[in-house]
Amino acid sequence: MAKRRNIHTVSFSGQTFTRTSASRTYAYLVVGKRSFLDALSRAGRIEDTDASNYRYWEKHNPERLSGYSDVKDYQEKRREQRLKAVQAAKDEGFYDRFEALAWCSRKDLAEKQAHAHRKFYIEVTILPVAVETKGS
């Protein structure tokens, strides 16, 4: 005897999102696009973490730091790497695609999730879900 399963499907903006569940039924899907400007802003910061990493590698594996003159140089080059990675992702269309952010059973939960995701995502949208039940 086949187990019962719910297949949830949403089509939006040329993309299809699917989720299968044995016991839960989802009525809403929250989708959004990552913000290129937010990613660019974050990548462009000089991070204290980079300085901490530099000091760690300085003690434990100095060879890893060849090519860097000092901690400031390391931080600046790491910043440049992050900025290049963000630009490469943009060129590949990463910031043009919607992502499934949350599957929700109730509208109020979907609204709460949408609000929380608006910090890092743009065009956050709540979509209704089509549910198909298979099995017995």
Foldseek 3Di string as FASTA:
>chain_A
DDQKKKWKWDDDPNDIDIDIGRPDDFFKWKKFFFDLVVQLVVLQDQDPVQLVVQVVCVPVPVVVVPPAPDSVSSSVVSSVVSNVVSVVCVVVVRRVDMDGQDTHRDPVVLVVSLVVCVVGGPPIDMDTIDMDMDDD
